[in-house]
C-alpha atoms as a PDB file:
ATOM      1  CA  MET A   1      -1.629 -21.728 -97.928  1.00  0.00           C
ATOM      2  CA  ASN A   2      -5.054 -21.645 -97.730  1.00  0.00           C
ATOM      3  CA  LEU A   3      -4.894 -25.738 -99.219  1.00  0.00           C
ATOM      4  CA  TYR A   4      -2.837 -26.114 -95.740  1.00  0.00           C
ATOM      5  CA  ARG A   5      -5.318 -24.031 -93.021  1.00  0.00           C
ATOM      6  CA  ILE A   6      -7.881 -26.452 -94.764  1.00  0.00           C
ATOM      7  CA  ALA A   7      -6.196 -29.335 -93.920  1.00  0.00           C
ATOM      8  CA  THR A   8      -4.727 -28.995 -90.416  1.00  0.00           C
ATOM      9  CA  PHE A   9      -9.273 -27.383 -89.730  1.00  0.00           C
ATOM     10  CA  CYS A  10     -10.117 -30.921 -91.036  1.00  0.00           C
ATOM     11  CA  LEU A  11      -7.209 -32.691 -88.840  1.00  0.00           C
ATOM     12  CA  THR A  12      -8.825 -30.518 -86.322  1.00  0.00           C
ATOM     13  CA  ILE A  13     -12.339 -31.476 -86.418  1.00  0.00           C
ATOM     14  CA  PHE A  14     -11.516 -35.197 -87.201  1.00  0.00           C
ATOM     15  CA  PHE A  15      -9.709 -35.426 -83.789  1.00  0.00           C
ATOM     16  CA  PHE A  16     -12.906 -34.088 -81.649  1.00  0.00           C
ATOM     17  CA  SER A  17     -15.498 -36.688 -83.045  1.00  0.00           C
ATOM     18  CA  CYS A  18     -13.441 -39.155 -81.978  1.00  0.00           C
ATOM     19  CA  ALA A  19     -13.294 -37.432 -78.398  1.00  0.00           C
ATOM     20  CA  ALA A  20     -16.681 -37.128 -78.814  1.00  0.00           C
ATOM     21  CA  SER A  21     -18.154 -40.567 -80.664  1.00  0.00           C
ATOM     22  CA  SER A  22     -15.979 -42.575 -77.245  1.00  0.00           C
ATOM     23  CA  ASP A  23     -18.860 -43.455 -75.000  1.00  0.00           C
ATOM     24  CA  GLU A  24     -15.932 -43.657 -72.133  1.00  0.00           C
ATOM     25  CA  PRO A  25     -13.897 -41.274 -70.347  1.00  0.00           C
ATOM     26  CA  LEU A  26     -10.912 -41.490 -70.723  1.00  0.00           C
ATOM     27  CA  GLU A  27      -9.350 -42.557 -66.884  1.00  0.00           C
ATOM     28  CA  GLU A  28      -6.303 -41.688 -65.534  1.00  0.00           C
ATOM     29  CA  VAL A  29      -4.922 -43.974 -64.033  1.00  0.00           C
ATOM     30  CA  PRO A  30      -2.790 -43.877 -60.760  1.00  0.00           C
ATOM     31  CA  LEU A  31       1.055 -43.856 -60.250  1.00  0.00           C
ATOM     32  CA  SER A  32       2.248 -46.909 -58.542  1.00  0.00           C
ATOM     33  CA  PRO A  33       4.471 -45.516 -55.383  1.00  0.00           C
ATOM     34  CA  LEU A  34       7.752 -46.998 -57.625  1.00  0.00           C
ATOM     35  CA  GLU A  35       6.779 -44.834 -60.409  1.00  0.00           C
ATOM     36  CA  THR A  36       5.535 -42.380 -57.836  1.00  0.00           C
ATOM     37  CA  VAL A  37       9.174 -41.344 -57.138  1.00  0.00           C
ATOM     38  CA  ARG A  38      10.908 -42.716 -60.587  1.00  0.00           C
ATOM     39  CA  LEU A  39       8.601 -39.847 -62.045  1.00  0.00           C
ATOM     40  CA  LEU A  40      10.115 -37.594 -58.601  1.00  0.00           C
ATOM     41  CA  ALA A  41      13.204 -38.083 -58.622  1.00  0.00           C
ATOM     42  CA  GLY A  42      14.097 -37.474 -62.479  1.00  0.00           C
ATOM     43  CA  GLU A  43      12.846 -33.977 -61.970  1.00  0.00           C
ATOM     44  CA  ASN A  44      15.835 -34.363 -58.926  1.00  0.00           C
ATOM     45  CA  GLY A  45      18.217 -35.911 -61.839  1.00  0.00           C
ATOM     46  CA  GLN A  46      18.170 -32.844 -63.776  1.00  0.00           C
ATOM     47  CA  LEU A  47      18.383 -29.736 -61.342  1.00  0.00           C
ATOM     48  CA  SER A  48      21.575 -28.370 -60.028  1.00  0.00           C
ATOM     49  CA  GLY A  49      20.540 -25.321 -58.418  1.00  0.00           C
ATOM     50  CA  ALA A  50      20.471 -22.438 -60.761  1.00  0.00           C
ATOM     51  CA  ARG A  51      18.012 -21.085 -58.257  1.00  0.00           C
ATOM     52  CA  SER A  52      21.562 -19.848 -55.815  1.00  0.00           C
ATOM     53  CA  SER A  53      23.198 -17.991 -59.111  1.00  0.00           C
ATOM     54  CA  ASN A  54      19.689 -15.557 -58.928  1.00  0.00           C
ATOM     55  CA  ASN A  55      19.658 -12.208 -57.228  1.00  0.00           C
ATOM     56  CA  ARG A  56      16.881 -12.211 -54.381  1.00  0.00           C
ATOM     57  CA  ILE A  57      17.071 -13.081 -50.742  1.00  0.00           C
ATOM     58  CA  TYR A  58      16.304 -15.509 -48.621  1.00  0.00           C
ATOM     59  CA  PRO A  59      17.037 -16.408 -45.339  1.00  0.00           C
ATOM     60  CA  SER A  60      20.105 -18.290 -44.361  1.00  0.00           C
ATOM     61  CA  GLU A  61      17.985 -21.454 -43.269  1.00  0.00           C
ATOM     62  CA  ILE A  62      17.137 -21.317 -46.514  1.00  0.00           C
ATOM     63  CA  GLN A  63      20.363 -19.613 -48.471  1.00  0.00           C
ATOM     64  CA  ALA A  64      22.415 -21.933 -46.826  1.00  0.00           C
ATOM     65  CA  ILE A  65      21.116 -24.581 -49.075  1.00  0.00           C
ATOM     66  CA  LEU A  66      20.317 -23.655 -52.516  1.00  0.00           C
ATOM     67  CA  ASP A  67      24.200 -23.068 -52.017  1.00  0.00           C
ATOM     68  CA  ARG A  68      25.189 -26.338 -51.464  1.00  0.00           C
ATOM     69  CA  GLY A  69      23.135 -27.244 -53.730  1.00  0.00           C
ATOM     70  CA  TYR A  70      20.906 -29.817 -51.439  1.00  0.00           C
ATOM     71  CA  ILE A  71      18.876 -30.264 -49.306  1.00  0.00           C
ATOM     72  CA  ILE A  72      19.674 -33.838 -46.761  1.00  0.00           C
ATOM     73  CA  PHE A  73      16.350 -35.034 -45.254  1.00  0.00           C
ATOM     74  CA  ALA A  74      16.689 -37.519 -41.619  1.00  0.00           C
ATOM     75  CA  MET A  75      15.366 -40.312 -41.672  1.00  0.00           C
ATOM     76  CA  THR A  76      15.907 -44.199 -39.928  1.00  0.00           C
ATOM     77  CA  ALA A  77      18.144 -46.830 -41.076  1.00  0.00           C
ATOM     78  CA  ALA A  78      15.408 -49.373 -40.033  1.00  0.00           C
ATOM     79  CA  ASP A  79      13.304 -49.154 -43.293  1.00  0.00           C
ATOM     80  CA  GLN A  80       9.528 -47.875 -41.852  1.00  0.00           C
ATOM     81  CA  LYS A  81       6.536 -48.779 -44.923  1.00  0.00           C
ATOM     82  CA  PRO A  82       4.609 -47.052 -45.758  1.00  0.00           C
ATOM     83  CA  PHE A  83       6.678 -43.743 -45.918  1.00  0.00           C
ATOM     84  CA  PHE A  84       9.998 -44.840 -46.560  1.00  0.00           C
ATOM     85  CA  TYR A  85      11.126 -48.381 -47.611  1.00  0.00           C
ATOM     86  CA  ARG A  86      13.791 -50.358 -50.450  1.00  0.00           C
ATOM     87  CA  GLU A  87      11.232 -52.438 -53.210  1.00  0.00           C
ATOM     88  CA  GLN A  88      11.397 -55.186 -52.996  1.00  0.00           C
ATOM     89  CA  ASN A  89      12.447 -56.118 -56.733  1.00  0.00           C
ATOM     90  CA  THR A  90      14.893 -52.943 -57.336  1.00  0.00           C
ATOM     91  CA  GLY A  91      16.488 -51.987 -53.923  1.00  0.00           C
ATOM     92  CA  GLU A  92      15.256 -47.950 -54.789  1.00  0.00           C
ATOM     93  CA  LEU A  93      13.675 -46.256 -52.170  1.00  0.00           C
ATOM     94  CA  ILE A  94      10.004 -44.660 -52.173  1.00  0.00           C
ATOM     95  CA  GLY A  95       7.303 -44.612 -50.131  1.00  0.00           C
ATOM     96  CA  LEU A  96       5.744 -40.940 -48.494  1.00  0.00           C
ATOM     97  CA  ASP A  97       8.564 -39.770 -47.138  1.00  0.00           C
ATOM     98  CA  VAL A  98      10.614 -40.309 -50.234  1.00  0.00           C
ATOM     99  CA  GLU A  99       7.844 -38.421 -52.562  1.00  0.00           C
ATOM    100  CA  ILE A 100       7.549 -35.635 -48.962  1.00  0.00           C
ATOM    101  CA  GLY A 101      10.907 -35.205 -49.715  1.00  0.00           C
ATOM    102  CA  TYR A 102      12.114 -34.655 -53.168  1.00  0.00           C
ATOM    103  CA  GLU A 103       8.845 -32.597 -54.110  1.00  0.00           C
ATOM    104  CA  ILE A 104      10.714 -29.933 -51.786  1.00  0.00           C
ATOM    105  CA  ALA A 105      13.727 -30.303 -53.429  1.00  0.00           C
ATOM    106  CA  ASN A 106      12.405 -29.717 -56.637  1.00  0.00           C
ATOM    107  CA  ARG A 107      10.089 -26.757 -55.118  1.00  0.00           C
ATOM    108  CA  LEU A 108      13.675 -25.143 -54.017  1.00  0.00           C
ATOM    109  CA  GLY A 109      15.876 -26.380 -56.874  1.00  0.00           C
ATOM    110  CA  VAL A 110      17.609 -28.056 -54.865  1.00  0.00           C
ATOM    111  CA  ARG A 111      18.733 -31.747 -55.466  1.00  0.00           C
ATOM    112  CA  ALA A 112      17.350 -33.994 -52.358  1.00  0.00           C
ATOM    113  CA  VAL A 113      19.812 -36.044 -50.117  1.00  0.00           C
ATOM    114  CA  PHE A 114      18.659 -39.076 -48.158  1.00  0.00           C
ATOM    115  CA  ASN A 115      20.704 -39.747 -44.485  1.00  0.00           C
ATOM    116  CA  ARG A 116      19.677 -42.606 -43.097  1.00  0.00           C
ATOM    117  CA  GLU A 117      22.444 -42.732 -39.972  1.00  0.00           C
ATOM    118  CA  ALA A 118      20.107 -42.360 -37.365  1.00  0.00           C
ATOM    119  CA  GLU A 119      19.452 -45.641 -35.184  1.00  0.00           C
ATOM    120  CA  SER A 120      16.436 -45.204 -33.692  1.00  0.00           C
ATOM    121  CA  PHE A 121      13.525 -42.537 -34.331  1.00  0.00           C
ATOM    122  CA  ASP A 122      15.032 -39.671 -31.369  1.00  0.00           C
ATOM    123  CA  GLY A 123      18.663 -40.240 -32.841  1.00  0.00           C
ATOM    124  CA  VAL A 124      16.573 -38.750 -36.290  1.00  0.00           C
ATOM    125  CA  VAL A 125      16.061 -35.410 -33.556  1.00  0.00           C
ATOM    126  CA  MET A 126      19.749 -35.643 -32.427  1.00  0.00           C
ATOM    127  CA  LYS A 127      20.712 -35.210 -36.767  1.00  0.00           C
ATOM    128  CA  ILE A 128      18.776 -31.983 -37.106  1.00  0.00           C
ATOM    129  CA  ALA A 129      19.964 -30.611 -33.484  1.00  0.00           C
ATOM    130  CA  ASN A 130      23.850 -31.367 -35.139  1.00  0.00           C
ATOM    131  CA  LYS A 131      23.647 -29.793 -37.470  1.00  0.00           C
ATOM    132  CA  GLU A 132      24.037 -33.509 -39.308  1.00  0.00           C
ATOM    133  CA  ALA A 133      20.489 -32.806 -41.247  1.00  0.00           C
ATOM    134  CA  ASP A 134      18.327 -29.943 -42.731  1.00  0.00           C
ATOM    135  CA  VAL A 135      14.823 -31.436 -41.910  1.00  0.00           C
ATOM    136  CA  ALA A 136      13.775 -34.542 -39.836  1.00  0.00           C
ATOM    137  CA  LEU A 137      11.139 -36.800 -42.693  1.00  0.00           C
ATOM    138  CA  SER A 138      11.066 -40.243 -40.966  1.00  0.00           C
ATOM    139  CA  LYS A 139       7.194 -40.744 -39.700  1.00  0.00           C
ATOM    140  CA  LEU A 140       8.060 -38.476 -36.327  1.00  0.00           C
ATOM    141  CA  SER A 141       5.211 -37.900 -33.599  1.00  0.00           C
ATOM    142  CA  ARG A 142       5.404 -34.272 -32.583  1.00  0.00           C
ATOM    143  CA  THR A 143       6.035 -34.400 -29.016  1.00  0.00           C
ATOM    144  CA  ILE A 144       6.620 -32.614 -25.886  1.00  0.00           C
ATOM    145  CA  ARG A 145      10.021 -33.228 -24.720  1.00  0.00           C
ATOM    146  CA  ARG A 146      11.377 -33.189 -28.217  1.00  0.00           C
ATOM    147  CA  ALA A 147      10.074 -30.142 -29.003  1.00  0.00           C
ATOM    148  CA  GLU A 148      12.802 -28.902 -26.763  1.00  0.00           C
ATOM    149  CA  LEU A 149      15.463 -30.016 -29.453  1.00  0.00           C
ATOM    150  CA  VAL A 150      13.857 -29.035 -32.597  1.00  0.00           C
ATOM    151  CA  ARG A 151      10.998 -26.694 -34.231  1.00  0.00           C
ATOM    152  CA  TYR A 152       8.451 -29.358 -35.600  1.00  0.00           C
ATOM    153  CA  THR A 153       6.417 -28.467 -38.207  1.00  0.00           C
ATOM    154  CA  ASP A 154       2.490 -28.123 -38.595  1.00  0.00           C
ATOM    155  CA  PRO A 155       1.208 -32.837 -39.273  1.00  0.00           C
ATOM    156  CA  TYR A 156       1.036 -33.735 -42.319  1.00  0.00           C
ATOM    157  CA  ILE A 157      -1.122 -36.262 -41.929  1.00  0.00           C
ATOM    158  CA  VAL A 158      -2.178 -37.502 -37.982  1.00  0.00           C
ATOM    159  CA  PHE A 159      -3.304 -40.739 -36.519  1.00  0.00           C
ATOM    160  CA  ARG A 160      -5.149 -41.902 -33.494  1.00  0.00           C
ATOM    161  CA  GLN A 161      -3.028 -44.014 -31.073  1.00  0.00           C
ATOM    162  CA  ALA A 162      -3.893 -47.213 -30.463  1.00  0.00           C
ATOM    163  CA  LEU A 163      -3.656 -50.437 -29.245  1.00  0.00           C
ATOM    164  CA  LEU A 164      -3.430 -54.030 -30.685  1.00  0.00           C
ATOM    165  CA  VAL A 165      -4.091 -56.988 -28.316  1.00  0.00           C
ATOM    166  CA  ASN A 166      -3.559 -61.060 -27.945  1.00  0.00           C
ATOM    167  CA  ARG A 167      -7.109 -62.478 -27.078  1.00  0.00           C
ATOM    168  CA  LEU A 168      -6.163 -64.979 -25.622  1.00  0.00           C
ATOM    169  CA  GLU A 169      -4.098 -63.581 -23.466  1.00  0.00           C
ATOM    170  CA  LEU A 170      -6.792 -60.918 -23.100  1.00  0.00           C
ATOM    171  CA  THR A 171      -9.896 -64.028 -22.355  1.00  0.00           C
ATOM    172  CA  LYS A 172      -7.083 -64.196 -18.622  1.00  0.00           C
ATOM    173  CA  VAL A 173      -8.132 -61.056 -17.268  1.00  0.00           C
ATOM    174  CA  THR A 174     -11.000 -59.573 -18.474  1.00  0.00           C
ATOM    175  CA  SER A 175     -14.341 -60.171 -20.695  1.00  0.00           C
ATOM    176  CA  GLU A 176     -14.729 -57.932 -24.281  1.00  0.00           C
ATOM    177  CA  ASP A 177     -17.799 -56.241 -22.838  1.00  0.00           C
ATOM    178  CA  LYS A 178     -15.551 -54.531 -20.394  1.00  0.00           C
ATOM    179  CA  LEU A 179     -12.889 -53.631 -21.716  1.00  0.00           C
ATOM    180  CA  PRO A 180     -13.076 -50.793 -22.477  1.00  0.00           C
ATOM    181  CA  TYR A 181     -12.645 -50.170 -17.880  1.00  0.00           C
ATOM    182  CA  PHE A 182      -9.473 -52.407 -19.139  1.00  0.00           C
ATOM    183  CA  ILE A 183      -7.734 -50.261 -20.957  1.00  0.00           C
ATOM    184  CA  LYS A 184      -8.818 -47.373 -19.915  1.00  0.00           C
ATOM    185  CA  HIS A 185      -7.331 -48.642 -16.447  1.00  0.00           C
ATOM    186  CA  PHE A 186      -4.118 -51.020 -18.026  1.00  0.00           C
ATOM    187  CA  GLU A 187      -1.790 -53.096 -15.975  1.00  0.00           C
ATOM    188  CA  GLY A 188      -0.904 -55.941 -17.776  1.00  0.00           C
ATOM    189  CA  ARG A 189       2.271 -56.082 -19.812  1.00  0.00           C
ATOM    190  CA  LEU A 190       2.615 -53.598 -22.589  1.00  0.00           C
ATOM    191  CA  GLY A 191       5.258 -53.724 -26.473  1.00  0.00           C
ATOM    192  CA  VAL A 192       6.842 -50.565 -27.453  1.00  0.00           C
ATOM    193  CA  ILE A 193       9.578 -49.670 -29.434  1.00  0.00           C
ATOM    194  CA  LYS A 194      12.423 -48.393 -27.245  1.00  0.00           C
ATOM    195  CA  ASN A 195      13.215 -44.353 -27.997  1.00  0.00           C
ATOM    196  CA  SER A 196      10.206 -44.170 -29.555  1.00  0.00           C
ATOM    197  CA  SER A 197       7.876 -41.906 -28.623  1.00  0.00           C
ATOM    198  CA  TYR A 198       4.983 -44.555 -28.160  1.00  0.00           C
ATOM    199  CA  LEU A 199       7.989 -45.337 -24.968  1.00  0.00           C
ATOM    200  CA  SER A 200       6.683 -41.326 -24.094  1.00  0.00           C
ATOM    201  CA  TYR A 201       2.686 -42.091 -25.060  1.00  0.00           C
ATOM    202  CA  ALA A 202       2.932 -45.790 -22.424  1.00  0.00           C
ATOM    203  CA  GLU A 203       4.516 -44.041 -20.043  1.00  0.00           C
ATOM    204  CA  THR A 204       1.997 -41.035 -19.999  1.00  0.00           C
ATOM    205  CA  ASN A 205      -1.574 -43.278 -20.612  1.00  0.00           C
ATOM    206  CA  PHE A 206      -0.734 -46.808 -19.009  1.00  0.00           C
ATOM    207  CA  PRO A 207       1.358 -45.740 -15.761  1.00  0.00           C
ATOM    208  CA  GLN A 208      -0.046 -49.270 -14.099  1.00  0.00           C
ATOM    209  CA  ALA A 209       1.767 -50.971 -17.494  1.00  0.00           C
ATOM    210  CA  THR A 210       4.662 -52.941 -17.536  1.00  0.00           C
ATOM    211  CA  ILE A 211       6.343 -51.676 -20.228  1.00  0.00           C
ATOM    212  CA  GLU A 212       8.582 -53.772 -22.839  1.00  0.00           C
ATOM    213  CA  THR A 213      10.704 -52.136 -25.052  1.00  0.00           C
ATOM    214  CA  TYR A 214      11.682 -54.087 -28.288  1.00  0.00           C
ATOM    215  CA  ASP A 215      14.196 -52.928 -30.495  1.00  0.00           C
ATOM    216  CA  THR A 216      11.944 -52.519 -34.093  1.00  0.00           C
ATOM    217  CA  TRP A 217       8.670 -53.357 -34.167  1.00  0.00           C
ATOM    218  CA  ASP A 218       8.271 -56.758 -35.806  1.00  0.00           C
ATOM    219  CA  GLN A 219       9.944 -58.017 -32.311  1.00  0.00           C
ATOM    220  CA  THR A 220       7.124 -56.489 -30.433  1.00  0.00           C
ATOM    221  CA  VAL A 221       4.432 -57.521 -33.367  1.00  0.00           C
ATOM    222  CA  ASP A 222       6.095 -61.042 -32.209  1.00  0.00           C
ATOM    223  CA  ALA A 223       5.949 -60.603 -29.144  1.00  0.00           C
ATOM    224  CA  LEU A 224       2.427 -59.728 -29.082  1.00  0.00           C
ATOM    225  CA  PHE A 225       1.681 -62.956 -31.125  1.00  0.00           C
ATOM    226  CA  TYR A 226       3.969 -64.705 -28.845  1.00  0.00           C
ATOM    227  CA  GLY A 227       1.569 -63.605 -26.041  1.00  0.00           C
ATOM    228  CA  LYS A 228       4.844 -62.073 -24.580  1.00  0.00           C
ATOM    229  CA  VAL A 229       2.319 -59.283 -24.353  1.00  0.00           C
ATOM    230  CA  LEU A 230      -0.288 -58.469 -23.851  1.00  0.00           C
ATOM    231  CA  ALA A 231      -0.662 -55.636 -26.529  1.00  0.00           C
ATOM    232  CA  ALA A 232       1.518 -53.782 -28.994  1.00  0.00           C
ATOM    233  CA  TYR A 233       1.039 -49.841 -28.774  1.00  0.00           C
ATOM    234  CA  ARG A 234       1.238 -47.775 -31.581  1.00  0.00           C
ATOM    235  CA  ASP A 235      -0.456 -46.042 -34.061  1.00  0.00           C
ATOM    236  CA  GLU A 236      -3.304 -46.784 -35.846  1.00  0.00           C
ATOM    237  CA  GLY A 237      -1.963 -47.288 -39.152  1.00  0.00           C
ATOM    238  CA  GLU A 238       0.584 -49.932 -38.808  1.00  0.00           C
ATOM    239  CA  ILE A 239      -2.689 -51.828 -36.245  1.00  0.00           C
ATOM    240  CA  LEU A 240      -4.125 -51.383 -39.928  1.00  0.00           C
ATOM    241  CA  ILE A 241      -0.628 -53.285 -42.081  1.00  0.00           C
ATOM    242  CA  ILE A 242      -0.512 -55.625 -39.086  1.00  0.00           C
ATOM    243  CA  ASN A 243      -4.152 -57.076 -39.946  1.00  0.00           C
ATOM    244  CA  THR A 244      -3.670 -56.394 -43.991  1.00  0.00           C
ATOM    245  CA  ILE A 245      -0.070 -58.209 -44.332  1.00  0.00           C
ATOM    246  CA  ARG A 246      -1.482 -60.954 -41.549  1.00  0.00           C
ATOM    247  CA  GLU A 247      -4.213 -63.549 -42.582  1.00  0.00           C
ATOM    248  CA  ASP A 248      -4.389 -64.846 -38.680  1.00  0.00           C
ATOM    249  CA  ALA A 249      -3.843 -61.308 -37.187  1.00  0.00           C
ATOM    250  CA  SER A 250      -7.969 -60.521 -36.940  1.00  0.00           C
ATOM    251  CA  ILE A 251      -9.175 -63.907 -35.214  1.00  0.00           C
ATOM    252  CA  LEU A 252      -6.020 -63.477 -32.762  1.00  0.00           C
ATOM    253  CA  MET A 253      -5.756 -60.376 -32.100  1.00  0.00           C
ATOM    254  CA  LYS A 254      -8.010 -57.920 -31.319  1.00  0.00           C
ATOM    255  CA  PRO A 255      -6.852 -53.540 -32.555  1.00  0.00           C
ATOM    256  CA  VAL A 256      -8.942 -50.885 -30.480  1.00  0.00           C
ATOM    257  CA  PHE A 257      -7.867 -47.836 -31.673  1.00  0.00           C
ATOM    258  CA  ILE A 258      -8.340 -44.911 -29.232  1.00  0.00           C
ATOM    259  CA  ASN A 259      -9.595 -41.603 -30.077  1.00  0.00           C
ATOM    260  CA  ASP A 260      -9.137 -39.517 -28.095  1.00  0.00           C
ATOM    261  CA  LYS A 261      -5.503 -40.152 -27.991  1.00  0.00           C
ATOM    262  CA  GLN A 262      -3.475 -39.011 -31.306  1.00  0.00           C
ATOM    263  CA  ASP A 263      -0.607 -38.826 -32.834  1.00  0.00           C
ATOM    264  CA  PRO A 264       0.809 -36.585 -35.620  1.00  0.00           C
ATOM    265  CA  ILE A 265       3.226 -37.006 -37.894  1.00  0.00           C
ATOM    266  CA  ALA A 266       5.140 -33.869 -39.217  1.00  0.00           C
ATOM    267  CA  MET A 267       8.914 -32.302 -39.317  1.00  0.00           C
ATOM    268  CA  ALA A 268      11.519 -30.702 -37.943  1.00  0.00           C
ATOM    269  CA  VAL A 269      12.761 -28.459 -38.103  1.00  0.00           C
ATOM    270  CA  ALA A 270      16.735 -26.896 -36.193  1.00  0.00           C
ATOM    271  CA  TYR A 271      15.705 -23.870 -33.424  1.00  0.00           C
ATOM    272  CA  ASP A 272      17.628 -21.399 -34.787  1.00  0.00           C
ATOM    273  CA  ALA A 273      15.124 -22.139 -38.603  1.00  0.00           C
ATOM    274  CA  PRO A 274      12.142 -20.929 -38.028  1.00  0.00           C
ATOM    275  CA  LEU A 275      11.565 -19.316 -41.939  1.00  0.00           C
ATOM    276  CA  LEU A 276      12.855 -22.625 -42.731  1.00  0.00           C
ATOM    277  CA  GLN A 277      10.043 -23.836 -41.006  1.00  0.00           C
ATOM    278  CA  GLU A 278       7.620 -21.891 -42.631  1.00  0.00           C
ATOM    279  CA  TRP A 279       8.686 -22.227 -45.928  1.00  0.00           C
ATOM    280  CA  LEU A 280       8.213 -26.082 -45.181  1.00  0.00           C
ATOM    281  CA  ASN A 281       4.180 -25.318 -43.558  1.00  0.00           C
ATOM    282  CA  VAL A 282       3.745 -23.373 -46.427  1.00  0.00           C
ATOM    283  CA  PHE A 283       4.077 -26.176 -48.484  1.00  0.00           C
ATOM    284  CA  LEU A 284       2.558 -29.195 -46.745  1.00  0.00           C
ATOM    285  CA  GLU A 285      -0.347 -26.850 -46.845  1.00  0.00           C
ATOM    286  CA  ASP A 286      -0.793 -27.017 -50.510  1.00  0.00           C
ATOM    287  CA  TYR A 287       0.805 -30.391 -50.597  1.00  0.00           C
ATOM    288  CA  LEU A 288      -2.493 -31.263 -48.440  1.00  0.00           C
ATOM    289  CA  LEU A 289      -4.757 -29.515 -51.078  1.00  0.00           C
ATOM    290  CA  GLN A 290      -2.964 -31.256 -53.637  1.00  0.00           C
ATOM    291  CA  ASN A 291      -3.749 -34.470 -52.704  1.00  0.00           C
ATOM    292  CA  LYS A 292      -6.913 -34.284 -50.566  1.00  0.00           C
ATOM    293  CA  GLY A 293      -7.815 -37.576 -49.736  1.00  0.00           C
ATOM    294  CA  GLU A 294      -4.760 -39.295 -50.156  1.00  0.00           C
ATOM    295  CA  LEU A 295      -3.539 -39.042 -47.372  1.00  0.00           C
ATOM    296  CA  THR A 296      -5.714 -40.980 -45.001  1.00  0.00           C
ATOM    297  CA  PRO A 297      -4.457 -44.394 -42.668  1.00  0.00           C
ATOM    298  CA  ALA A 298      -6.728 -46.469 -44.816  1.00  0.00           C
ATOM    299  CA  ARG A 299      -5.900 -44.654 -48.983  1.00  0.00           C
ATOM    300  CA  ILE A 300      -1.809 -45.364 -47.563  1.00  0.00           C
ATOM    301  CA  VAL A 301      -1.785 -48.366 -46.783  1.00  0.00           C
ATOM    302  CA  GLU A 302      -3.483 -48.890 -49.314  1.00  0.00           C
ATOM    303  CA  ARG A 303      -1.508 -47.717 -51.588  1.00  0.00           C
ATOM    304  CA  HIS A 304       1.307 -49.293 -50.904  1.00  0.00           C
ATOM    305  CA  PHE A 305       0.729 -52.623 -49.164  1.00  0.00           C
ATOM    306  CA  GLY A 306      -2.507 -53.560 -51.147  1.00  0.00           C
ATOM    307  CA  VAL A 307      -2.325 -54.954 -54.914  1.00  0.00           C
ATOM    308  CA  ARG A 308      -1.905 -52.969 -58.238  1.00  0.00           C
END
């Protein structure tokens, strides 16, 4: 027994001596978005709704999820990279919203199900209003109109609203030194996604603009590059993405970030689920604390569009 203790002691000293002799500390390598989701999904795959069998009393909207054994998150059918999208090589669903969904499901002890039937962001809201899903988790902007139908959580990221302006078309109507005044009184053709929050924002913030709607953001951006619209209107994250993935963007387009107009991104639940809303708010408070510094527009774009 004494020999065993001596051997153990020597091995311990040897281990810590080796660790201390290293000149450089071990650097933690961050997981890629695909690796992160695979890890979370692996944990989620081991859950079997065990929490629903205990004797604790939960609010009815949460108990229904526990009894069912899974929670349904509503997302749009179209990918919204970097929030949720199919990984190019594997086809696996990844992204910030997917990570958050798995985290929520794992904390509740239930399986995560992602419903992607909605054709638009408004369609996602209706999935919640019609009780076809538990939580809208779809890069969903908080708007007054939607708040009449659902309960929003606190935002988990806040973007500035932004315009991407066609430089050539801009020279036909004004000079860049007069751009602030021109943007404030925008009268040109403005491209937005139909049935999106930015259609409502455009009608409110640019009442003199001629608004052109498109089915997708890609179509909106194409219209901008072909000169069919003077500017495209969306959040700063999407503008950063265009500048990242298109080499000609910095030459042909001018980004304009509107500092006094924000686009808060949040989850939403049914109107009769106030305690689920509050649970999600407490979850987000902890989640944001743990991921401080990671949930900025620039960092999210870098993580999902940068080269690892």
